[in-house]
Protein backbone atom coordinates (compact mmCIF):
# COMPACT_ATOMS: atom_id res chain seq x y z
CA MET A 1 56.85 120.32 107.14
CA ALA A 2 53.40 120.69 106.55
CA LYS A 3 50.39 119.29 108.76
CA ASP A 4 48.60 118.31 105.50
CA GLU A 5 51.44 116.13 104.21
CA VAL A 6 50.86 112.49 103.99
CA ILE A 7 53.21 111.13 106.05
CA LEU A 8 51.82 107.36 105.73
CA ARG A 9 50.42 105.80 102.67
CA PHE A 10 49.47 101.85 101.22
CA GLU A 11 49.45 101.28 98.00
CA LYS A 12 47.80 98.17 96.49
CA LEU A 13 48.87 96.72 99.68
CA SER A 14 47.81 92.95 99.56
CA PHE A 15 48.85 90.55 103.05
CA GLU A 16 47.62 86.85 104.24
CA TYR A 17 49.05 84.63 106.58
CA GLY A 18 49.59 81.64 105.41
CA HIS A 19 48.20 82.18 101.53
CA THR A 20 44.93 80.66 103.95
CA LYS A 21 43.71 83.85 105.91
CA PRO A 22 43.62 87.53 104.03
CA ILE A 23 43.59 90.05 106.22
CA LEU A 24 44.12 93.23 103.10
CA ASP A 25 43.52 92.90 99.50
CA GLU A 26 44.74 95.71 97.49
CA VAL A 27 44.16 98.46 99.99
CA ASP A 28 45.17 102.46 99.17
CA CYS A 29 45.22 104.89 101.70
CA SER A 30 46.70 107.44 103.70
CA ILE A 31 47.22 109.41 106.64
CA ARG A 32 48.13 113.10 106.93
CA ARG A 33 51.18 114.21 109.21
CA GLY A 34 49.84 115.34 112.41
CA THR A 35 46.36 113.66 112.63
CA LYS A 36 44.67 111.44 115.29
CA THR A 37 43.19 108.42 113.62
CA THR A 38 41.33 105.08 115.21
CA ILE A 39 41.44 101.79 113.57
CA MET A 40 37.83 99.90 113.78
CA GLY A 41 37.28 96.87 113.17
CA GLN A 42 36.61 92.77 114.56
CA ASN A 43 38.69 90.93 116.71
CA GLY A 44 40.86 88.89 114.36
CA ALA A 45 40.35 90.91 111.63
CA GLY A 46 44.01 92.15 111.30
CA LYS A 47 43.86 95.84 112.86
CA SER A 48 47.45 95.06 114.93
CA THR A 49 48.39 93.23 112.32
CA ILE A 50 48.20 96.60 110.38
CA PHE A 51 51.00 98.20 112.87
CA GLN A 52 53.16 95.28 111.89
CA LEU A 53 53.23 96.16 108.35
CA ILE A 54 53.58 99.73 108.77
CA THR A 55 56.99 98.76 111.40
CA GLY A 56 58.43 96.34 108.88
CA GLY A 57 57.99 93.63 111.41
CA LEU A 58 55.74 91.82 108.57
CA LYS A 59 55.82 92.14 104.47
CA PRO A 60 52.98 92.63 102.39
CA GLU A 61 52.20 89.96 99.54
CA SER A 62 52.74 92.85 97.43
CA GLY A 63 51.88 96.40 96.98
CA ARG A 64 53.94 98.95 99.04
CA VAL A 65 53.96 100.70 102.55
CA ILE A 66 55.33 104.41 102.10
CA VAL A 67 56.20 106.15 105.16
CA SER A 68 57.39 109.60 104.05
CA ASN A 69 60.75 111.49 105.29
CA GLY A 70 62.07 108.92 107.16
CA PRO A 71 60.31 109.81 110.31
CA THR A 72 60.84 108.08 113.72
CA ILE A 73 57.91 105.33 114.38
CA ALA A 74 57.69 103.28 117.78
CA ILE A 75 54.34 101.62 118.80
CA SER A 76 52.96 100.74 122.20
CA ARG A 77 52.19 97.28 121.91
CA GLN A 78 48.82 95.30 123.79
CA VAL A 79 50.84 93.40 126.20
CA ILE A 80 54.38 92.53 127.55
CA PRO A 81 56.15 89.76 125.83
CA ARG A 82 56.66 86.97 127.78
CA ASN A 83 60.72 87.23 127.44
CA GLU A 84 60.80 90.97 128.58
CA LEU A 85 58.96 90.20 132.28
CA ASP A 86 61.84 90.27 134.26
CA LEU A 87 63.87 93.17 133.36
CA THR A 88 64.74 95.64 135.19
CA VAL A 89 62.57 98.98 133.86
CA ARG A 90 65.90 100.41 132.75
CA GLU A 91 66.21 97.26 130.67
CA PHE A 92 62.89 97.58 129.47
CA PHE A 93 63.16 101.08 128.02
CA LEU A 94 67.43 100.51 126.50
CA LYS A 95 65.47 97.48 125.00
CA ALA A 96 62.71 99.51 123.04
CA PHE A 97 65.37 102.02 121.84
CA GLU A 98 67.80 99.12 120.53
CA ASP A 99 64.36 97.18 119.30
CA SER A 100 63.71 100.55 117.12
CA VAL A 101 66.72 100.91 116.34
CA GLN A 102 67.38 96.99 114.61
CA ALA A 103 64.16 97.59 112.96
CA GLY A 104 64.88 100.86 111.36
CA LEU A 105 62.20 102.88 113.00
CA ARG A 106 64.75 105.19 113.93
CA LYS A 107 68.28 106.24 112.80
CA ASP A 108 70.13 106.54 116.15
CA THR A 109 73.33 104.28 116.63
CA GLY A 110 74.61 102.54 120.02
CA ARG A 111 73.14 102.46 123.25
CA ILE A 112 71.48 105.41 124.92
CA TYR A 113 73.60 106.59 128.24
CA ASP A 114 71.68 109.65 129.68
CA ILE A 115 68.31 107.24 129.22
CA ASP A 116 67.64 107.78 133.33
CA PRO A 117 66.60 111.48 133.12
CA LYS A 118 64.08 110.58 130.29
CA ILE A 119 62.48 107.50 132.11
CA ASP A 120 62.18 109.96 135.10
CA ASP A 121 59.99 112.21 132.30
CA VAL A 122 58.30 109.83 130.52
CA LEU A 123 57.28 108.36 133.52
CA GLU A 124 55.63 111.19 135.00
CA VAL A 125 53.67 111.79 132.12
CA VAL A 126 52.51 108.64 132.27
CA ASN A 127 51.32 108.94 135.48
CA LEU A 128 53.85 105.92 137.12
CA LYS A 129 55.28 108.55 139.84
CA GLY A 130 58.40 105.90 141.15
CA HIS A 131 60.34 105.83 144.03
CA ILE A 132 63.60 106.27 143.79
CA LYS A 133 64.19 102.08 142.93
CA MET A 134 62.24 102.24 140.21
CA HIS A 135 64.39 102.03 137.32
CA GLU A 136 65.92 98.55 139.31
CA ARG A 137 62.24 97.31 139.91
CA ILE A 138 61.20 94.18 137.65
CA VAL A 139 58.56 94.96 135.21
CA ARG A 140 57.12 91.37 136.19
CA SER A 141 56.27 93.36 139.66
CA PHE A 142 53.97 95.69 138.37
CA SER A 143 49.74 95.45 138.45
CA GLY A 144 48.67 94.97 134.64
CA GLY A 145 47.22 98.76 134.56
CA GLN A 146 51.11 99.48 135.48
CA GLN A 147 52.25 97.44 132.69
CA ALA A 148 49.65 99.36 130.46
CA ARG A 149 51.44 102.23 131.45
CA LEU A 150 54.97 101.00 130.94
CA LEU A 151 54.21 99.78 127.73
CA LEU A 152 52.53 103.51 126.56
CA ALA A 153 55.80 105.16 128.25
CA SER A 154 58.17 102.63 125.79
CA ALA A 155 57.04 103.95 122.94
CA LEU A 156 56.40 107.69 124.23
CA ILE A 157 60.22 107.83 125.50
CA GLN A 158 61.27 107.79 121.80
CA ASP A 159 59.76 110.81 120.87
CA PRO A 160 58.13 109.35 117.55
CA ASP A 161 56.45 111.65 114.52
CA LEU A 162 54.42 108.43 113.95
CA LEU A 163 52.84 106.46 117.52
CA LEU A 164 51.08 103.38 116.73
CA LEU A 165 48.98 102.34 119.72
CA ASP A 166 47.39 98.95 120.47
CA GLU A 167 44.51 99.04 123.39
CA PRO A 168 46.69 101.87 125.13
CA THR A 169 43.54 101.85 127.57
CA ASN A 170 43.46 98.01 128.50
CA ASN A 171 44.72 97.79 132.90
CA LEU A 172 44.29 101.53 132.87
CA ASP A 173 42.10 102.16 135.91
CA LYS A 174 39.84 106.20 135.45
CA ALA A 175 43.02 108.70 136.35
CA GLY A 176 45.08 106.59 134.04
CA ILE A 177 42.80 106.79 131.20
CA GLU A 178 42.05 110.90 132.10
CA HIS A 179 45.90 110.98 131.96
CA LEU A 180 46.05 109.41 128.29
CA THR A 181 43.63 111.27 126.82
CA LYS A 182 44.84 114.68 127.82
CA PHE A 183 48.05 113.39 126.72
CA LEU A 184 47.19 113.09 123.17
CA LYS A 185 45.17 115.66 122.53
CA ASP A 186 47.88 118.12 123.17
CA TYR A 187 50.27 116.07 121.43
CA LYS A 188 51.25 117.39 118.14
CA LYS A 189 52.69 114.80 116.26
CA THR A 190 50.51 112.05 114.20
CA VAL A 191 48.81 109.15 116.01
CA ILE A 192 47.19 105.72 114.92
CA VAL A 193 44.96 103.79 117.76
CA ILE A 194 44.03 100.68 118.30
CA SER A 195 40.94 100.68 120.73
CA HIS A 196 37.45 99.78 121.73
CA GLU A 197 36.79 102.82 124.27
CA ALA A 198 34.41 104.54 122.68
CA ASP A 199 34.36 107.37 124.81
CA PHE A 200 38.21 107.33 125.28
CA LEU A 201 38.22 108.02 121.21
CA ASN A 202 35.89 110.36 120.61
CA SER A 203 37.56 112.59 122.39
CA PHE A 204 40.70 113.00 119.87
CA THR A 205 39.99 111.00 116.91
CA ASP A 206 40.24 113.10 113.55
CA GLY A 207 39.11 110.13 111.20
CA VAL A 208 38.64 106.66 111.03
CA LEU A 209 40.39 103.26 109.14
CA TYR A 210 37.55 100.73 109.04
CA LEU A 211 38.78 97.61 108.33
CA ASP A 212 36.50 94.87 106.54
CA ILE A 213 37.02 91.72 107.54
CA PHE A 214 34.64 90.58 104.26
CA THR A 215 36.56 92.83 101.57
CA LYS A 216 39.40 92.77 103.49
CA LYS A 217 39.39 96.83 102.60
CA LEU A 218 40.50 99.56 104.48
CA GLU A 219 37.79 101.96 104.40
CA GLN A 220 38.28 106.09 105.40
CA TYR A 221 36.27 108.28 106.83
CA VAL A 222 36.66 111.55 108.37
CA GLY A 223 35.46 112.67 111.52
CA ASN A 224 35.26 111.88 115.05
CA TYR A 225 34.65 108.25 115.88
CA PHE A 226 30.71 108.97 117.50
CA ASP A 227 30.29 110.19 113.64
CA VAL A 228 31.60 107.47 111.81
CA SER A 229 30.21 105.07 113.58
CA GLU A 230 26.78 106.23 112.83
CA GLN A 231 27.60 106.99 109.18
CA ILE A 232 29.13 103.33 109.05
CA LEU A 233 25.68 102.11 110.57
CA ALA A 234 23.53 103.84 108.54
CA ARG A 235 24.91 101.73 105.69
CA LEU A 236 24.31 98.66 106.78
CA GLU A 237 21.03 99.71 107.74
CA LYS A 238 20.91 100.85 103.94
CA GLU A 239 22.86 97.19 102.63
CA ASN A 240 20.54 95.42 104.79
CA ARG A 241 17.13 97.13 103.35
CA LYS A 242 18.38 96.44 99.74
CA ASN A 243 19.13 93.55 100.74
CA ALA A 244 15.74 92.63 102.13
CA LEU A 245 14.19 93.58 99.00
CA LEU A 246 15.99 92.05 96.65
CA ALA A 247 15.51 88.01 98.84
CA LYS A 248 11.65 89.26 98.25
CA GLU A 249 12.49 89.99 94.26
CA ILE A 250 14.25 86.44 93.93
CA GLN A 251 11.69 84.52 95.70
CA GLU A 252 9.18 86.00 93.38
CA ASN A 253 11.03 85.11 90.38
CA LYS A 254 11.87 81.17 91.79
CA ASP A 255 7.69 80.90 92.07
CA LYS A 256 7.44 82.23 88.67
CA ALA A 257 9.84 79.77 87.14
CA ASN A 258 8.55 77.07 89.08
CA PHE A 259 5.31 78.13 88.15
CA PHE A 260 5.66 78.26 84.50
CA ALA A 261 8.49 75.10 84.63
CA MET A 262 5.21 72.99 85.17
CA LYS A 263 3.69 74.18 82.52
CA GLY A 264 5.81 73.07 79.89
CA GLY A 265 6.58 73.49 76.50
CA GLN A 266 7.24 77.03 75.72
CA MET A 267 6.51 77.83 79.18
CA ARG A 268 10.15 76.57 80.02
CA MET A 269 11.55 79.14 78.24
CA VAL A 270 9.89 82.17 80.37
CA ALA A 271 10.65 79.54 83.48
CA LYS A 272 14.46 79.88 82.35
CA ARG A 273 14.52 83.51 82.28
CA MET A 274 13.24 83.79 85.34
CA ARG A 275 15.42 81.65 86.98
CA GLU A 276 18.32 83.51 84.98
CA LYS A 277 16.73 86.88 86.52
CA ALA A 278 17.29 85.29 89.79
CA GLU A 279 20.64 84.36 89.50
CA GLU A 280 21.56 87.74 88.17
CA LEU A 281 19.35 89.27 92.01
CA GLU A 282 21.67 87.59 93.82
CA GLU A 283 24.65 88.72 92.55
CA GLU A 284 23.59 92.02 93.58
CA LYS A 285 23.29 91.44 97.12
CA VAL A 286 25.48 93.14 99.25
CA ASP A 287 27.36 90.74 101.42
CA ILE A 288 26.59 90.91 105.48
CA ARG A 289 29.29 92.40 106.71
CA ARG A 290 30.82 89.74 109.49
CA GLU A 291 32.70 91.70 111.39
CA ASP A 292 29.56 93.44 112.25
CA LYS A 293 28.33 90.32 113.66
CA THR A 294 28.41 89.73 117.75
CA ILE A 295 28.43 86.95 119.75
CA ARG A 296 25.46 85.14 120.72
CA SER A 297 23.68 86.18 123.80
CA PHE A 298 24.98 83.42 126.25
CA VAL A 299 24.35 81.96 130.01
CA ILE A 300 27.19 81.00 131.89
CA PRO A 301 25.80 78.20 133.57
CA HIS A 302 26.73 77.90 137.61
CA GLN A 303 27.99 74.50 139.13
CA PRO A 304 24.66 72.69 140.31
CA ASP A 305 24.24 71.61 143.68
CA LEU A 306 25.80 74.99 145.77
CA ILE A 307 24.81 75.22 149.01
CA GLY A 308 25.73 77.80 151.78
CA ASP A 309 29.22 79.96 151.91
CA ILE A 310 31.10 79.85 148.85
CA ILE A 311 33.50 81.84 149.56
CA SER A 312 34.29 84.25 152.78
CA LEU A 313 36.85 86.88 153.33
CA THR A 314 38.13 88.40 156.73
CA GLY A 315 40.83 89.26 155.51
CA PHE A 316 43.49 90.56 152.32
CA SER A 317 46.80 92.04 151.72
CA VAL A 318 47.19 95.12 149.19
CA MET A 319 50.02 97.17 148.01
CA ASN A 320 50.90 100.95 149.41
CA PRO A 321 51.24 102.72 145.97
CA LYS A 322 52.78 105.32 147.77
CA THR A 323 55.95 102.94 150.34
CA HIS A 324 55.39 100.19 147.62
CA LYS A 325 55.27 98.01 151.39
CA ILE A 326 52.49 94.98 151.69
CA VAL A 327 49.31 96.41 154.23
CA LYS A 328 47.38 94.02 155.33
CA ARG A 329 43.36 95.07 155.40
CA LYS A 330 40.50 93.10 157.58
CA THR A 331 37.18 92.98 155.74
CA ASN A 332 33.59 90.54 156.89
CA ILE A 333 32.44 89.48 153.29
CA ILE A 334 30.80 86.59 152.79
CA LEU A 335 29.52 85.68 148.97
CA ARG A 336 26.15 82.86 148.35
CA LYS A 337 24.54 81.81 145.55
CA ASN A 338 23.90 84.31 143.17
CA GLN A 339 25.84 87.40 144.97
CA HIS A 340 28.09 89.25 143.25
CA LEU A 341 31.16 91.69 144.42
CA LEU A 342 32.78 94.30 142.92
CA LEU A 343 36.93 94.87 143.86
CA LYS A 344 38.17 98.65 143.31
CA GLY A 345 41.04 100.25 143.47
CA PRO A 346 43.98 101.92 141.73
CA ASN A 347 46.31 100.25 139.06
CA GLY A 348 49.38 99.05 141.57
CA ILE A 349 47.07 98.38 144.75
CA GLY A 350 47.13 94.29 143.85
CA LYS A 351 43.52 94.13 143.14
CA SER A 352 45.22 91.22 140.56
CA THR A 353 47.52 89.87 142.66
CA LEU A 354 44.67 89.71 145.26
CA LEU A 355 42.01 87.78 142.58
CA GLU A 356 44.71 85.34 141.06
CA SER A 357 45.55 83.91 144.90
CA ILE A 358 41.59 83.85 145.45
CA ALA A 359 41.59 81.69 142.50
CA LYS A 360 44.76 79.57 143.32
CA GLY A 361 43.42 78.98 147.01
CA THR A 362 46.72 80.60 148.83
CA ALA A 363 44.95 84.35 150.02
CA ASP A 364 44.91 84.48 153.93
CA GLY A 365 42.15 84.99 155.29
CA ILE A 366 39.71 83.63 152.66
CA VAL A 367 38.31 80.72 152.68
CA ILE A 368 36.22 78.16 149.93
CA PRO A 369 34.64 74.71 150.25
CA LYS A 370 37.09 72.40 148.17
CA ASP A 371 34.26 71.27 146.32
CA VAL A 372 33.79 74.57 144.76
CA LYS A 373 34.63 74.90 140.99
CA VAL A 374 36.35 78.11 140.32
CA GLY A 375 36.24 79.53 137.18
CA TYR A 376 38.88 82.41 136.46
CA TYR A 377 38.71 84.71 133.71
CA ARG A 378 42.88 86.52 133.72
CA GLN A 379 43.40 90.16 131.99
CA ASP A 380 46.81 87.88 130.65
CA PHE A 381 44.76 85.00 129.95
CA SER A 382 47.79 82.93 131.15
CA THR A 383 45.44 80.30 132.34
CA LEU A 384 44.89 79.19 128.87
CA ASN A 385 47.67 76.86 127.43
CA PHE A 386 48.88 79.19 124.40
CA ASP A 387 50.19 75.47 122.71
CA ASP A 388 46.97 74.78 122.74
CA THR A 389 44.40 74.33 119.65
CA VAL A 390 41.20 75.82 120.55
CA TYR A 391 39.61 72.48 120.17
CA ASP A 392 41.84 70.83 123.02
CA CYS A 393 41.40 74.52 125.14
CA LEU A 394 37.51 74.09 125.00
CA LEU A 395 37.17 70.36 125.22
CA GLN A 396 39.30 70.01 128.45
CA VAL A 397 37.35 71.43 130.66
CA MET A 398 34.25 70.07 129.46
CA ASP A 399 32.69 67.14 132.56
CA LYS A 400 31.56 65.35 129.73
CA HIS A 401 33.56 65.77 125.81
CA VAL A 402 30.85 65.91 123.30
CA GLU A 403 32.29 67.59 120.62
CA GLU A 404 29.11 68.85 119.03
CA THR A 405 28.16 70.60 122.61
CA MET A 406 31.87 72.08 122.00
CA ARG A 407 31.03 73.24 118.48
CA GLY A 408 27.77 74.75 119.38
CA VAL A 409 28.94 76.74 122.35
CA ALA A 410 32.28 78.21 120.54
CA ALA A 411 30.58 79.20 117.30
CA GLY A 412 28.23 80.98 119.60
CA PHE A 413 31.48 83.22 120.26
CA LEU A 414 32.04 83.47 116.57
CA ILE A 415 34.70 80.84 116.80
CA THR A 416 34.01 78.48 113.44
CA GLY A 417 35.82 77.53 110.52
CA ASP A 418 39.35 76.81 110.80
CA MET A 419 39.92 79.20 114.12
CA ILE A 420 38.68 76.32 115.78
CA ARG A 421 41.82 74.10 115.00
CA THR A 422 43.99 77.18 115.39
CA ARG A 423 46.38 77.50 118.29
CA ILE A 424 45.22 79.63 121.17
CA GLY A 425 48.95 82.05 120.60
CA ASN A 426 47.91 82.64 117.03
CA LEU A 427 44.60 84.22 118.31
CA SER A 428 44.18 87.62 118.57
CA GLU A 429 43.88 89.27 122.19
CA GLY A 430 40.78 89.58 121.19
CA GLN A 431 40.05 86.23 120.21
CA LYS A 432 41.50 84.54 123.06
CA GLY A 433 39.26 86.33 125.30
CA LEU A 434 36.20 85.50 123.02
CA VAL A 435 37.93 81.76 123.89
CA ALA A 436 38.25 82.23 127.49
CA PHE A 437 34.44 83.47 127.79
CA ALA A 438 34.00 79.96 125.88
CA ARG A 439 35.65 77.72 128.33
CA LEU A 440 33.10 79.41 131.42
CA VAL A 441 30.44 78.78 129.17
CA LEU A 442 31.50 74.79 128.97
CA GLU A 443 33.05 74.64 132.83
CA ARG A 444 30.21 75.91 134.91
CA PRO A 445 32.11 77.19 138.02
CA GLY A 446 30.25 77.59 140.75
CA LEU A 447 32.70 80.80 141.59
CA LEU A 448 33.33 83.28 139.18
CA ILE A 449 36.13 85.10 139.43
CA LEU A 450 36.78 88.29 136.20
CA ASP A 451 40.28 90.35 136.11
CA GLU A 452 39.16 93.08 133.52
CA PRO A 453 36.57 90.93 131.25
CA THR A 454 36.66 93.54 128.50
CA ASN A 455 39.54 94.33 127.73
CA HIS A 456 40.87 93.80 123.96
CA ILE A 457 37.06 92.85 123.50
CA ASN A 458 35.01 94.27 120.73
CA PHE A 459 32.34 97.17 121.72
CA ARG A 460 29.34 95.48 120.38
CA HIS A 461 30.30 92.57 122.29
CA ILE A 462 29.96 94.00 125.78
CA PRO A 463 26.46 94.40 126.29
CA ILE A 464 25.80 90.76 125.47
CA ILE A 465 29.07 89.92 128.29
CA ALA A 466 27.13 92.39 130.38
CA GLU A 467 24.35 90.83 130.52
CA ALA A 468 25.40 86.93 130.86
CA LEU A 469 27.84 88.12 134.24
CA ASN A 470 24.19 90.13 135.26
CA LYS A 471 22.12 86.96 135.31
CA TYR A 472 24.84 84.75 136.43
CA GLN A 473 23.29 82.62 139.24
CA GLY A 474 26.96 81.48 141.19
CA ALA A 475 29.12 83.32 143.30
CA MET A 476 30.91 86.13 141.63
CA ILE A 477 33.96 88.70 141.98
CA LEU A 478 34.93 91.26 139.57
CA VAL A 479 37.92 94.07 138.63
CA SER A 480 36.93 96.33 135.86
CA HIS A 481 37.70 99.63 135.01
CA VAL A 482 35.46 100.23 132.77
CA PRO A 483 31.89 102.17 134.24
CA ASP A 484 29.76 101.92 131.58
CA PHE A 485 30.45 97.97 131.61
CA VAL A 486 29.74 97.70 135.57
CA GLU A 487 26.31 99.66 135.17
CA LYS A 488 25.10 97.12 133.43
CA ILE A 489 26.03 94.07 136.02
CA ARG A 490 23.90 93.45 139.31
CA ILE A 491 26.42 94.19 142.64
CA ASP A 492 25.19 93.05 145.31
CA ASP A 493 28.86 94.29 147.86
CA VAL A 494 32.15 96.42 146.80
CA LEU A 495 34.81 95.83 148.70
CA ASP A 496 37.37 98.98 147.50
CA LEU A 497 40.76 98.35 148.20
CA GLU A 498 42.02 101.48 149.10
CA GLN A 499 39.84 102.64 151.90
């Protein structure tokens, strides 16, 4: 089949959630076979929704999604659903095939009987080599980074004509990202990627679909990620300059209208024309693109009256990635007020498990005084109750329930309007991340524990988050595989779990 053949096309496609949240409005665009396309847009704009429309998980209000010549489609999701965490690896991959068949994304029928060799091959591709009992391991037993590789593998094992990747670098360490980047460069079929990792995207992107949260349109650009980002920025600056000039002219007309209105008589007609001219100019203004708003600069207040040792570490346990056995290590680290510790180590060594045990106070060799309040940012957001509304989720961590204060903090994280009354489970992953940060601001912890806090977060917000963490004056333990992010934060000590 020719590479310039259109494999996917949207025709006058419109979609909205519950008639209250429009996502797409009569979108027309197409993807050519063999291209590698990035979808850009703000957290909550509806990027993952586009994937659901492609796979048939959601149906459009109007218009059509046309997939040419019946290609196979596979999607690598952002997170493993909770009802799949207790499956074995073999069951997890079998379910991926069966779900694709049921959704009509491939024409295979029945179960896949030669699955084991395919699993071995695809685990090699995602650099997740296992021991002899890997196929029997429970999915829940894998680290966040390893689960990210399983998600990717569950799509790759189907060898699809159209591969959809939703935040595939989340939780991946440097080696994992490098492995995925090489794979995508060499991959000959069509790929559409949602990600906030600029360098990763730029290494393979042919073009960009830009989802404008205000116009509900998909704007199509050709070029690598950095080139397209510059084009979009230049257009925004041009629109802002135009708005500034129009605002000046509008004010001049209003001032003249007020002046002539005071004169009375025929001058009132002149004043009326001036007001009409001001109204016409108002309509010419380009609405500032809300998806380009960033969160406001913020501070995470630390617990008051912190004195002495906030946390002391004399030992910890990690997983040996080769033998898959727990290994105990010794250390001697004490964190007091205004001290920041970075935990390093490859996927699967047990960073998230260690952070969870510290937050719960169950880790051997680690002591936190009982009066220290712990603020814990989990990469899977399981510290949030998905049945709560955002309103309740934020209010419950405050010492004093002052709604005005809560709403002010929430607004700084772009949590406004209907979103404040939305259930946590109905938010996008990026929006959940912003809610988690708003909670930390309201919680005022003495010890801040952060597990991959840039996952799912719009890249425009990341420098602001880094600045807030850099200035945090309590004790902090951070895990992050994003070097550019870590470089912006003051780190006083590093604990390499692999050493």
